[in-house]
């Protein structure tokens, strides 16, 4: 199956999300694709929860039945569920999908900020209030592999999901361990580089058919 690059993006800078806890400036029209059907919803990606939230009336709610979701689409961006009830943005969609998971992190300075959690800070930002003194937000990102079950639809989360590192790719392609190890050694694969991972994903595509 041919690998299709769905989206290449530059990782978020700390400054860009200094006081934001969502990927999009506002909730946008999207669709949630389940095994049996698809439903329209107003959604956004929460950077603190690494999760998709949908509007239910005036309330923001995390998606239920994540184990039934194949993917979520919004603003020309697609998200795939990972194996910890979080979501990653699809960068390359194919027999081996490459996704990136974003996670908001809190840097604390001073006594006042010690007891502030991600959940409470997320609610604070949802309310539109400014950050407390001593709080700085950064956004981390991590690549993930998701191995497809077949060429017709996305493979649901489980043992088919692995962090994008050497151990992770071998976990997903144990039968092809020798060939993949040779490719990694020959190409000096850098698991922190999108271009390097793109080449590895394209190489592994033939082993997903």
N, C-alpha and C. Protein backbone atom coordinates (compact mmCIF):
# COMPACT_ATOMS: atom_id res chain seq x y z
N UNK A 1 0.84 -1.19 0.00
CA UNK A 1 0.00 0.00 0.00
C UNK A 1 0.88 1.25 0.00
N UNK A 2 0.52 2.18 -0.81
CA UNK A 2 1.29 3.41 -0.92
C UNK A 2 1.09 4.29 0.31
N UNK A 3 2.18 4.82 0.81
CA UNK A 3 2.10 5.74 1.94
C UNK A 3 1.80 7.14 1.43
N UNK A 4 0.88 7.82 2.08
CA UNK A 4 0.50 9.17 1.69
C UNK A 4 0.86 10.12 2.81
N UNK A 5 1.59 11.15 2.47
CA UNK A 5 1.88 12.18 3.48
C UNK A 5 0.63 13.02 3.64
N UNK A 6 0.06 13.00 4.83
CA UNK A 6 -1.17 13.75 5.07
C UNK A 6 -0.88 15.18 5.48
N UNK A 7 0.10 15.36 6.36
CA UNK A 7 0.40 16.71 6.81
C UNK A 7 1.80 16.74 7.38
N UNK A 8 2.57 17.73 7.01
CA UNK A 8 3.87 17.98 7.62
C UNK A 8 3.76 19.32 8.31
N UNK A 9 4.13 19.35 9.57
CA UNK A 9 3.99 20.60 10.29
C UNK A 9 5.24 20.90 11.09
N UNK A 10 5.39 22.15 11.43
CA UNK A 10 6.45 22.56 12.33
C UNK A 10 5.93 22.47 13.75
N UNK A 11 6.72 21.86 14.64
CA UNK A 11 6.26 21.70 16.01
C UNK A 11 6.01 23.06 16.65
N UNK A 12 5.05 23.06 17.53
CA UNK A 12 4.64 24.30 18.17
C UNK A 12 5.77 24.87 19.02
N UNK A 13 5.90 26.17 18.97
CA UNK A 13 6.87 26.83 19.83
C UNK A 13 6.23 27.11 21.17
N UNK A 14 7.07 27.27 22.17
CA UNK A 14 6.57 27.58 23.51
C UNK A 14 5.80 28.89 23.50
N UNK A 15 6.34 29.87 22.78
CA UNK A 15 5.71 31.19 22.77
C UNK A 15 4.32 31.15 22.16
N UNK A 16 4.13 30.32 21.15
CA UNK A 16 2.85 30.28 20.44
C UNK A 16 1.72 29.81 21.34
N UNK A 17 2.06 29.03 22.35
CA UNK A 17 1.03 28.51 23.22
C UNK A 17 1.25 28.92 24.68
N UNK A 18 1.81 30.11 24.84
CA UNK A 18 2.12 30.56 26.19
C UNK A 18 0.90 30.60 27.09
N UNK A 19 -0.29 30.87 26.51
CA UNK A 19 -1.49 30.91 27.33
C UNK A 19 -2.64 30.19 26.62
N UNK A 20 -2.34 29.13 25.92
CA UNK A 20 -3.37 28.38 25.21
C UNK A 20 -3.29 26.92 25.60
N UNK A 21 -4.45 26.28 25.67
CA UNK A 21 -4.46 24.85 25.96
C UNK A 21 -5.13 24.06 24.85
N UNK A 22 -5.33 24.68 23.69
CA UNK A 22 -5.92 23.98 22.55
C UNK A 22 -5.12 24.22 21.28
N UNK A 23 -5.20 23.28 20.36
CA UNK A 23 -4.50 23.40 19.09
C UNK A 23 -5.07 24.51 18.23
N UNK A 24 -6.41 24.55 18.11
CA UNK A 24 -7.06 25.55 17.28
C UNK A 24 -7.54 26.72 18.14
N UNK A 25 -7.55 27.92 17.61
CA UNK A 25 -7.99 29.09 18.39
C UNK A 25 -9.41 28.97 18.90
N UNK A 26 -10.25 28.20 18.21
CA UNK A 26 -11.62 27.97 18.66
C UNK A 26 -12.04 26.57 18.22
N UNK A 27 -13.14 26.08 18.77
CA UNK A 27 -13.65 24.77 18.39
C UNK A 27 -14.13 24.84 16.94
N UNK A 28 -13.80 23.80 16.17
CA UNK A 28 -14.08 23.81 14.73
C UNK A 28 -14.97 22.63 14.35
N UNK A 29 -15.60 22.74 13.21
CA UNK A 29 -16.45 21.65 12.72
C UNK A 29 -15.58 20.47 12.33
N UNK A 30 -16.00 19.28 12.75
CA UNK A 30 -15.25 18.08 12.45
C UNK A 30 -16.15 16.87 12.42
N UNK A 31 -15.53 15.72 12.21
CA UNK A 31 -16.26 14.46 12.20
C UNK A 31 -15.50 13.41 13.00
N UNK A 32 -16.26 12.62 13.73
CA UNK A 32 -15.70 11.52 14.51
C UNK A 32 -16.10 10.23 13.80
N UNK A 33 -15.10 9.48 13.35
CA UNK A 33 -15.35 8.27 12.58
C UNK A 33 -15.26 7.05 13.49
N UNK A 34 -16.41 6.40 13.69
CA UNK A 34 -16.47 5.16 14.45
C UNK A 34 -16.44 3.98 13.49
N UNK A 35 -16.39 2.77 14.03
CA UNK A 35 -16.39 1.57 13.19
C UNK A 35 -17.63 1.55 12.30
N UNK A 36 -18.77 1.92 12.88
CA UNK A 36 -20.04 1.74 12.18
C UNK A 36 -20.53 2.99 11.47
N UNK A 37 -20.11 4.16 11.93
CA UNK A 37 -20.69 5.39 11.41
C UNK A 37 -19.77 6.57 11.67
N UNK A 38 -20.19 7.75 11.21
CA UNK A 38 -19.46 8.99 11.49
C UNK A 38 -20.46 10.02 11.97
N UNK A 39 -20.04 10.84 12.94
CA UNK A 39 -20.93 11.88 13.44
C UNK A 39 -20.21 13.22 13.39
N UNK A 40 -20.97 14.28 13.12
CA UNK A 40 -20.41 15.63 13.09
C UNK A 40 -20.35 16.18 14.50
N UNK A 41 -19.33 16.99 14.77
CA UNK A 41 -19.19 17.59 16.10
C UNK A 41 -18.29 18.81 16.01
N UNK A 42 -18.42 19.70 16.98
CA UNK A 42 -17.53 20.84 17.12
C UNK A 42 -16.41 20.42 18.07
N UNK A 43 -15.19 20.34 17.56
CA UNK A 43 -14.12 19.71 18.33
C UNK A 43 -12.84 20.54 18.35
N UNK A 44 -11.93 20.15 19.24
CA UNK A 44 -10.62 20.76 19.34
C UNK A 44 -9.68 19.76 20.01
N UNK A 45 -8.39 19.96 19.82
CA UNK A 45 -7.38 19.09 20.44
C UNK A 45 -6.83 19.79 21.67
N UNK A 46 -7.02 19.16 22.82
CA UNK A 46 -6.56 19.75 24.08
C UNK A 46 -5.11 19.35 24.33
N UNK A 47 -4.24 20.34 24.41
CA UNK A 47 -2.81 20.08 24.53
C UNK A 47 -2.42 19.59 25.93
N UNK A 48 -3.21 19.88 26.93
CA UNK A 48 -2.91 19.40 28.27
C UNK A 48 -3.28 17.93 28.42
N UNK A 49 -4.40 17.55 27.80
CA UNK A 49 -4.90 16.19 27.95
C UNK A 49 -4.46 15.27 26.82
N UNK A 50 -3.84 15.83 25.78
CA UNK A 50 -3.47 15.07 24.57
C UNK A 50 -4.69 14.34 24.03
N UNK A 51 -5.80 15.05 24.02
CA UNK A 51 -7.08 14.41 23.75
C UNK A 51 -7.97 15.33 22.92
N UNK A 52 -8.98 14.71 22.28
CA UNK A 52 -9.97 15.46 21.52
C UNK A 52 -11.14 15.78 22.45
N UNK A 53 -11.54 17.04 22.48
CA UNK A 53 -12.73 17.45 23.21
C UNK A 53 -13.79 17.92 22.23
N UNK A 54 -15.05 17.65 22.56
CA UNK A 54 -16.17 18.06 21.71
C UNK A 54 -17.12 18.91 22.53
N UNK A 55 -17.79 19.82 21.86
CA UNK A 55 -18.77 20.67 22.53
C UNK A 55 -20.09 19.90 22.68
N UNK A 56 -20.61 19.88 23.89
CA UNK A 56 -21.91 19.30 24.18
C UNK A 56 -22.74 20.42 24.79
N UNK A 57 -23.50 21.11 23.93
CA UNK A 57 -24.16 22.33 24.39
C UNK A 57 -23.09 23.39 24.62
N UNK A 58 -22.98 23.88 25.86
CA UNK A 58 -21.95 24.85 26.19
C UNK A 58 -20.77 24.22 26.93
N UNK A 59 -20.81 22.92 27.11
CA UNK A 59 -19.77 22.22 27.86
C UNK A 59 -18.80 21.51 26.93
N UNK A 60 -17.53 21.48 27.34
CA UNK A 60 -16.50 20.73 26.61
C UNK A 60 -16.36 19.36 27.25
N UNK A 61 -16.45 18.31 26.44
CA UNK A 61 -16.38 16.96 26.98
C UNK A 61 -15.39 16.12 26.19
N UNK A 62 -14.67 15.24 26.91
CA UNK A 62 -13.78 14.29 26.25
C UNK A 62 -14.62 13.25 25.52
N UNK A 63 -14.10 12.74 24.42
CA UNK A 63 -14.82 11.74 23.64
C UNK A 63 -14.95 10.44 24.42
N UNK A 64 -16.12 9.82 24.32
CA UNK A 64 -16.36 8.53 24.95
C UNK A 64 -16.12 7.41 23.94
N UNK A 65 -16.03 6.18 24.43
CA UNK A 65 -15.87 4.99 23.58
C UNK A 65 -14.70 5.15 22.61
N UNK A 66 -13.57 5.58 23.14
CA UNK A 66 -12.39 5.79 22.29
C UNK A 66 -11.98 4.50 21.58
N UNK A 67 -12.24 3.36 22.21
CA UNK A 67 -11.86 2.08 21.60
C UNK A 67 -12.66 1.77 20.33
N UNK A 68 -13.73 2.53 20.08
CA UNK A 68 -14.53 2.34 18.88
C UNK A 68 -14.18 3.35 17.79
N UNK A 69 -13.36 4.33 18.12
CA UNK A 69 -13.04 5.40 17.17
C UNK A 69 -11.89 4.98 16.26
N UNK A 70 -12.07 5.20 14.96
CA UNK A 70 -11.00 4.94 14.01
C UNK A 70 -10.13 6.18 13.82
N UNK A 71 -10.75 7.33 13.62
CA UNK A 71 -10.01 8.58 13.57
C UNK A 71 -10.98 9.75 13.69
N UNK A 72 -10.42 10.93 13.90
CA UNK A 72 -11.19 12.17 14.01
C UNK A 72 -10.62 13.16 13.00
N UNK A 73 -11.50 13.88 12.32
CA UNK A 73 -11.08 14.83 11.30
C UNK A 73 -11.56 16.23 11.65
N UNK A 74 -10.66 17.22 11.51
CA UNK A 74 -11.03 18.62 11.78
C UNK A 74 -10.01 19.54 11.14
N UNK A 75 -10.50 20.58 10.45
CA UNK A 75 -9.61 21.59 9.88
C UNK A 75 -8.50 20.99 9.01
N UNK A 76 -8.86 20.03 8.17
CA UNK A 76 -7.91 19.35 7.29
C UNK A 76 -6.85 18.58 8.06
N UNK A 77 -7.10 18.34 9.31
CA UNK A 77 -6.19 17.60 10.17
C UNK A 77 -6.90 16.36 10.66
N UNK A 78 -6.16 15.26 10.74
CA UNK A 78 -6.76 14.03 11.26
C UNK A 78 -5.99 13.54 12.48
N UNK A 79 -6.73 12.95 13.39
CA UNK A 79 -6.17 12.46 14.64
C UNK A 79 -6.53 10.98 14.80
N UNK A 80 -5.60 10.22 15.34
CA UNK A 80 -5.81 8.79 15.54
C UNK A 80 -5.67 8.47 17.03
N UNK A 81 -6.53 7.60 17.57
CA UNK A 81 -6.39 7.23 18.98
C UNK A 81 -5.15 6.38 19.21
N UNK A 82 -4.48 6.65 20.31
CA UNK A 82 -3.32 5.85 20.71
C UNK A 82 -3.76 4.86 21.77
N UNK A 83 -2.84 4.09 22.33
CA UNK A 83 -3.25 3.01 23.23
C UNK A 83 -3.35 3.42 24.69
N UNK A 84 -3.44 4.72 24.96
CA UNK A 84 -3.61 5.19 26.34
C UNK A 84 -4.78 6.18 26.42
N UNK A 85 -5.75 6.01 25.51
CA UNK A 85 -6.93 6.87 25.45
C UNK A 85 -6.59 8.33 25.14
N UNK A 86 -5.44 8.55 24.52
CA UNK A 86 -5.09 9.87 24.03
C UNK A 86 -5.09 9.82 22.49
N UNK A 87 -4.86 10.98 21.87
CA UNK A 87 -4.87 11.06 20.40
C UNK A 87 -3.57 11.68 19.90
N UNK A 88 -3.18 11.27 18.71
CA UNK A 88 -2.05 11.87 18.03
C UNK A 88 -2.48 12.40 16.67
N UNK A 89 -1.82 13.44 16.21
CA UNK A 89 -2.11 13.98 14.89
C UNK A 89 -1.42 13.14 13.82
N UNK A 90 -2.15 12.74 12.80
CA UNK A 90 -1.59 11.92 11.73
C UNK A 90 -0.71 12.77 10.83
N UNK A 91 0.54 12.36 10.68
CA UNK A 91 1.47 13.03 9.78
C UNK A 91 1.63 12.25 8.47
N UNK A 92 1.73 10.94 8.58
CA UNK A 92 1.80 10.06 7.41
C UNK A 92 0.78 8.95 7.60
N UNK A 93 -0.10 8.79 6.64
CA UNK A 93 -1.18 7.81 6.74
C UNK A 93 -0.92 6.68 5.75
N UNK A 94 -0.75 5.48 6.26
CA UNK A 94 -0.50 4.34 5.38
C UNK A 94 -0.54 3.05 6.16
N UNK A 95 0.08 2.01 5.62
CA UNK A 95 0.14 0.74 6.33
C UNK A 95 0.81 0.91 7.68
N UNK A 96 1.79 1.80 7.73
CA UNK A 96 2.39 2.23 8.98
C UNK A 96 2.15 3.72 9.10
N UNK A 97 1.29 4.10 10.02
CA UNK A 97 0.95 5.52 10.23
C UNK A 97 1.95 6.15 11.19
N UNK A 98 2.36 7.36 10.88
CA UNK A 98 3.19 8.14 11.79
C UNK A 98 2.34 9.26 12.35
N UNK A 99 2.31 9.36 13.67
CA UNK A 99 1.52 10.38 14.35
C UNK A 99 2.38 11.13 15.34
N UNK A 100 1.94 12.31 15.72
CA UNK A 100 2.63 13.07 16.75
C UNK A 100 1.64 13.41 17.85
N UNK A 101 2.06 13.17 19.06
CA UNK A 101 1.22 13.45 20.23
C UNK A 101 1.78 14.69 20.94
N UNK A 102 0.90 15.64 21.22
CA UNK A 102 1.29 16.86 21.90
C UNK A 102 0.88 16.79 23.37
N UNK A 103 1.68 17.39 24.21
CA UNK A 103 1.38 17.37 25.63
C UNK A 103 1.84 18.68 26.27
N UNK A 104 0.90 19.37 26.88
CA UNK A 104 1.23 20.60 27.59
C UNK A 104 1.90 20.28 28.92
N UNK A 105 2.97 20.95 29.23
CA UNK A 105 3.68 20.73 30.48
C UNK A 105 3.75 22.04 31.27
N UNK A 106 3.77 21.91 32.59
CA UNK A 106 3.78 23.09 33.46
C UNK A 106 5.15 23.25 34.10
N UNK A 107 5.72 24.43 33.94
CA UNK A 107 6.95 24.78 34.65
C UNK A 107 6.55 25.68 35.81
N UNK A 108 6.96 25.28 37.02
CA UNK A 108 6.54 26.00 38.22
C UNK A 108 7.73 26.69 38.89
N UNK A 109 7.50 27.90 39.33
CA UNK A 109 8.49 28.60 40.15
C UNK A 109 7.74 29.29 41.29
N UNK A 110 8.26 29.18 42.47
CA UNK A 110 7.62 29.85 43.61
C UNK A 110 6.63 28.94 44.32
N UNK A 111 6.30 29.30 45.54
CA UNK A 111 5.45 28.49 46.40
C UNK A 111 4.00 28.45 45.94
N UNK A 112 3.51 29.55 45.37
CA UNK A 112 2.09 29.65 45.02
C UNK A 112 1.70 28.61 43.97
N UNK A 113 2.61 28.29 43.05
CA UNK A 113 2.27 27.43 41.92
C UNK A 113 2.42 25.94 42.20
N UNK A 114 2.91 25.56 43.38
CA UNK A 114 3.24 24.16 43.64
C UNK A 114 2.05 23.22 43.53
N UNK A 115 0.89 23.64 43.97
CA UNK A 115 -0.27 22.76 44.04
C UNK A 115 -1.19 22.83 42.83
N UNK A 116 -0.76 23.50 41.78
CA UNK A 116 -1.59 23.63 40.59
C UNK A 116 -1.34 22.45 39.65
N UNK A 117 -2.39 21.73 39.32
CA UNK A 117 -2.29 20.55 38.45
C UNK A 117 -2.65 20.92 37.02
N UNK A 118 -2.41 19.98 36.09
CA UNK A 118 -2.80 20.19 34.69
C UNK A 118 -4.31 20.40 34.59
N UNK A 119 -5.06 19.59 35.34
CA UNK A 119 -6.52 19.67 35.27
C UNK A 119 -7.03 21.02 35.73
N UNK A 120 -6.51 21.49 36.86
CA UNK A 120 -6.99 22.78 37.38
C UNK A 120 -6.54 23.93 36.49
N UNK A 121 -5.33 23.83 35.93
CA UNK A 121 -4.86 24.88 35.04
C UNK A 121 -5.63 24.87 33.73
N UNK A 122 -6.00 23.69 33.28
CA UNK A 122 -6.81 23.58 32.06
C UNK A 122 -8.16 24.28 32.27
N UNK A 123 -8.78 24.05 33.42
CA UNK A 123 -10.06 24.70 33.72
C UNK A 123 -9.88 26.22 33.83
N UNK A 124 -8.76 26.62 34.39
CA UNK A 124 -8.49 28.06 34.52
C UNK A 124 -8.39 28.71 33.15
N UNK A 125 -7.66 28.08 32.24
CA UNK A 125 -7.51 28.62 30.89
C UNK A 125 -8.83 28.58 30.12
N UNK A 126 -9.63 27.53 30.36
CA UNK A 126 -10.95 27.46 29.73
C UNK A 126 -11.82 28.64 30.15
N UNK A 127 -11.61 29.10 31.36
CA UNK A 127 -12.43 30.20 31.88
C UNK A 127 -11.99 31.56 31.33
N UNK A 128 -10.82 31.58 30.69
CA UNK A 128 -10.32 32.83 30.13
C UNK A 128 -9.48 33.65 31.10
N UNK A 129 -9.22 33.11 32.27
CA UNK A 129 -8.42 33.83 33.25
C UNK A 129 -6.93 33.73 32.93
N UNK A 130 -6.13 34.69 33.35
CA UNK A 130 -4.69 34.66 33.07
C UNK A 130 -3.98 33.59 33.89
N UNK A 131 -2.77 33.25 33.47
CA UNK A 131 -1.97 32.28 34.20
C UNK A 131 -1.57 32.84 35.57
N UNK A 132 -1.54 31.97 36.59
CA UNK A 132 -1.07 32.43 37.90
C UNK A 132 0.41 32.79 37.86
N UNK A 133 0.86 33.58 38.81
CA UNK A 133 2.28 33.89 38.92
C UNK A 133 3.07 32.61 39.15
N UNK A 134 4.21 32.52 38.52
CA UNK A 134 5.08 31.35 38.72
C UNK A 134 4.76 30.18 37.82
N UNK A 135 3.83 30.36 36.87
CA UNK A 135 3.44 29.27 35.96
C UNK A 135 3.85 29.62 34.53
N UNK A 136 4.52 28.68 33.90
CA UNK A 136 4.84 28.79 32.48
C UNK A 136 4.43 27.49 31.81
N UNK A 137 3.83 27.60 30.62
CA UNK A 137 3.38 26.41 29.89
C UNK A 137 4.31 26.16 28.70
N UNK A 138 4.71 24.92 28.55
CA UNK A 138 5.44 24.51 27.34
C UNK A 138 4.64 23.40 26.68
N UNK A 139 4.91 23.14 25.41
CA UNK A 139 4.23 22.07 24.68
C UNK A 139 5.28 21.10 24.15
N UNK A 140 5.25 19.88 24.64
CA UNK A 140 6.15 18.83 24.18
C UNK A 140 5.47 18.03 23.08
N UNK A 141 6.26 17.33 22.28
CA UNK A 141 5.71 16.49 21.23
C UNK A 141 6.49 15.18 21.17
N UNK A 142 5.80 14.10 20.81
CA UNK A 142 6.44 12.79 20.70
C UNK A 142 5.83 12.05 19.51
N UNK A 143 6.69 11.43 18.71
CA UNK A 143 6.23 10.65 17.57
C UNK A 143 5.76 9.26 18.00
N UNK A 144 4.74 8.76 17.26
CA UNK A 144 4.23 7.41 17.49
C UNK A 144 4.02 6.70 16.16
N UNK A 145 4.24 5.37 16.17
CA UNK A 145 3.90 4.51 15.04
C UNK A 145 2.57 3.83 15.33
N UNK A 146 1.72 3.72 14.31
CA UNK A 146 0.49 2.93 14.42
C UNK A 146 0.43 2.02 13.20
N UNK A 147 0.53 0.73 13.43
CA UNK A 147 0.52 -0.24 12.34
C UNK A 147 -0.91 -0.57 11.94
N UNK A 148 -1.20 -0.45 10.66
CA UNK A 148 -2.55 -0.71 10.16
C UNK A 148 -2.82 -2.21 10.10
N UNK A 149 -4.08 -2.56 10.27
CA UNK A 149 -4.48 -3.96 10.17
C UNK A 149 -4.55 -4.39 8.71
N UNK A 150 -5.05 -3.50 7.86
CA UNK A 150 -5.11 -3.77 6.43
C UNK A 150 -5.22 -2.45 5.69
N UNK A 151 -5.37 -2.49 4.39
CA UNK A 151 -5.37 -1.26 3.60
C UNK A 151 -6.73 -0.58 3.53
N UNK A 152 -7.74 -1.17 4.15
CA UNK A 152 -9.09 -0.64 3.99
C UNK A 152 -9.51 0.32 5.09
N UNK A 153 -9.00 0.15 6.28
CA UNK A 153 -9.40 1.05 7.35
C UNK A 153 -8.33 1.09 8.42
N UNK A 154 -8.43 2.06 9.30
CA UNK A 154 -7.44 2.20 10.34
C UNK A 154 -7.51 1.05 11.35
N UNK A 155 -6.36 0.70 11.85
CA UNK A 155 -6.25 -0.34 12.85
C UNK A 155 -6.49 0.31 14.21
N UNK A 156 -7.40 -0.21 14.97
CA UNK A 156 -7.73 0.40 16.26
C UNK A 156 -6.59 0.21 17.26
N UNK A 157 -6.55 1.04 18.31
CA UNK A 157 -5.42 1.01 19.25
C UNK A 157 -5.24 -0.34 19.93
N UNK A 158 -4.03 -0.53 20.43
CA UNK A 158 -3.70 -1.79 21.11
C UNK A 158 -2.23 -2.07 20.93
N UNK A 159 -1.89 -3.33 20.70
CA UNK A 159 -0.50 -3.72 20.54
C UNK A 159 0.12 -3.17 19.27
N UNK A 160 -0.70 -2.61 18.39
CA UNK A 160 -0.22 -2.06 17.13
C UNK A 160 0.34 -0.64 17.27
N UNK A 161 0.32 -0.08 18.47
CA UNK A 161 0.82 1.28 18.70
C UNK A 161 2.14 1.22 19.44
N UNK A 162 3.11 2.02 18.99
CA UNK A 162 4.40 2.04 19.67
C UNK A 162 5.03 3.41 19.54
N UNK A 163 5.80 3.81 20.52
CA UNK A 163 6.55 5.05 20.41
C UNK A 163 7.54 4.92 19.25
N UNK A 164 7.79 6.03 18.58
CA UNK A 164 8.65 6.01 17.41
C UNK A 164 10.12 6.01 17.83
N UNK A 165 10.58 4.83 18.23
CA UNK A 165 11.99 4.64 18.54
C UNK A 165 12.41 3.27 18.00
N UNK A 166 13.66 2.91 18.21
CA UNK A 166 14.17 1.65 17.65
C UNK A 166 13.40 0.45 18.20
N UNK A 167 13.20 0.42 19.50
CA UNK A 167 12.47 -0.70 20.10
C UNK A 167 11.04 -0.75 19.62
N UNK A 168 10.43 0.42 19.40
CA UNK A 168 9.04 0.47 18.97
C UNK A 168 8.83 -0.10 17.58
N UNK A 169 9.70 0.25 16.63
CA UNK A 169 9.51 -0.26 15.27
C UNK A 169 9.77 -1.76 15.21
N UNK A 170 10.71 -2.26 16.00
CA UNK A 170 10.98 -3.70 16.03
C UNK A 170 9.80 -4.44 16.65
N UNK A 171 9.19 -3.84 17.67
CA UNK A 171 8.01 -4.44 18.30
C UNK A 171 6.90 -4.67 17.28
N UNK A 172 6.71 -3.72 16.37
CA UNK A 172 5.64 -3.82 15.39
C UNK A 172 5.99 -4.73 14.21
N UNK A 173 7.29 -4.92 13.95
CA UNK A 173 7.72 -5.70 12.79
C UNK A 173 8.76 -6.75 13.19
N UNK A 174 8.41 -7.53 14.19
CA UNK A 174 9.35 -8.52 14.70
C UNK A 174 9.78 -9.52 13.61
N UNK A 175 8.86 -9.86 12.72
CA UNK A 175 9.18 -10.82 11.66
C UNK A 175 10.19 -10.26 10.67
N UNK A 176 10.30 -8.95 10.62
CA UNK A 176 11.21 -8.30 9.67
C UNK A 176 12.33 -7.56 10.40
N UNK A 177 12.64 -8.04 11.58
CA UNK A 177 13.63 -7.40 12.45
C UNK A 177 14.97 -7.21 11.75
N UNK A 178 15.45 -8.22 11.08
CA UNK A 178 16.77 -8.16 10.45
C UNK A 178 16.83 -7.09 9.37
N UNK A 179 15.82 -7.07 8.50
CA UNK A 179 15.81 -6.08 7.42
C UNK A 179 15.70 -4.65 7.94
N UNK A 180 14.87 -4.47 8.97
CA UNK A 180 14.68 -3.12 9.52
C UNK A 180 15.92 -2.65 10.27
N UNK A 181 16.54 -3.55 11.01
CA UNK A 181 17.78 -3.19 11.70
C UNK A 181 18.86 -2.76 10.70
N UNK A 182 18.92 -3.48 9.59
CA UNK A 182 19.91 -3.14 8.55
C UNK A 182 19.63 -1.76 7.97
N UNK A 183 18.33 -1.46 7.74
CA UNK A 183 17.95 -0.16 7.20
C UNK A 183 18.33 0.95 8.18
N UNK A 184 18.02 0.75 9.44
CA UNK A 184 18.31 1.76 10.47
C UNK A 184 19.80 2.02 10.56
N UNK A 185 20.58 0.95 10.54
CA UNK A 185 22.04 1.09 10.63
C UNK A 185 22.60 1.76 9.37
N UNK A 186 22.12 1.35 8.23
CA UNK A 186 22.62 1.87 6.96
C UNK A 186 22.29 3.36 6.78
N UNK A 187 21.10 3.75 7.23
CA UNK A 187 20.64 5.12 7.04
C UNK A 187 20.82 6.01 8.26
N UNK A 188 21.37 5.42 9.33
CA UNK A 188 21.58 6.19 10.57
C UNK A 188 20.29 6.92 10.96
N UNK A 189 19.23 6.14 11.07
CA UNK A 189 17.90 6.69 11.35
C UNK A 189 17.91 7.53 12.63
N UNK A 190 17.43 8.75 12.51
CA UNK A 190 17.29 9.66 13.65
C UNK A 190 15.81 9.68 14.03
N UNK A 191 15.47 9.11 15.16
CA UNK A 191 14.07 8.98 15.56
C UNK A 191 13.48 10.29 16.07
N UNK A 192 14.25 11.34 16.09
CA UNK A 192 13.71 12.66 16.45
C UNK A 192 13.49 13.53 15.22
N UNK A 193 13.82 12.99 14.03
CA UNK A 193 13.71 13.74 12.78
C UNK A 193 12.54 13.23 11.94
N UNK A 194 11.65 14.15 11.52
CA UNK A 194 10.53 13.74 10.69
C UNK A 194 11.02 13.13 9.38
N UNK A 195 11.98 13.76 8.72
CA UNK A 195 12.45 13.26 7.43
C UNK A 195 13.06 11.87 7.56
N UNK A 196 13.78 11.64 8.63
CA UNK A 196 14.38 10.33 8.86
C UNK A 196 13.30 9.28 9.14
N UNK A 197 12.29 9.65 9.92
CA UNK A 197 11.19 8.72 10.19
C UNK A 197 10.36 8.47 8.95
N UNK A 198 10.20 9.48 8.12
CA UNK A 198 9.46 9.33 6.87
C UNK A 198 10.10 8.25 6.00
N UNK A 199 11.43 8.28 5.89
CA UNK A 199 12.14 7.27 5.10
C UNK A 199 11.94 5.88 5.69
N UNK A 200 11.97 5.77 7.00
CA UNK A 200 11.77 4.47 7.66
C UNK A 200 10.36 3.96 7.45
N UNK A 201 9.37 4.84 7.57
CA UNK A 201 7.98 4.46 7.36
C UNK A 201 7.77 3.95 5.93
N UNK A 202 8.35 4.65 4.97
CA UNK A 202 8.22 4.24 3.57
C UNK A 202 8.87 2.88 3.34
N UNK A 203 10.00 2.63 3.99
CA UNK A 203 10.66 1.34 3.88
C UNK A 203 9.81 0.21 4.45
N UNK A 204 9.18 0.47 5.60
CA UNK A 204 8.38 -0.55 6.29
C UNK A 204 7.03 -0.79 5.62
N UNK A 205 6.64 0.08 4.70
CA UNK A 205 5.33 -0.03 4.08
C UNK A 205 5.13 -1.39 3.42
N UNK A 206 6.16 -1.92 2.79
CA UNK A 206 6.03 -3.20 2.08
C UNK A 206 5.76 -4.37 3.03
N UNK A 207 6.06 -4.19 4.30
CA UNK A 207 5.83 -5.26 5.27
C UNK A 207 4.45 -5.19 5.90
N UNK A 208 3.63 -4.22 5.48
CA UNK A 208 2.28 -4.10 6.04
C UNK A 208 1.21 -4.68 5.12
N UNK A 209 1.59 -5.10 3.93
CA UNK A 209 0.60 -5.58 2.95
C UNK A 209 0.18 -7.01 3.26
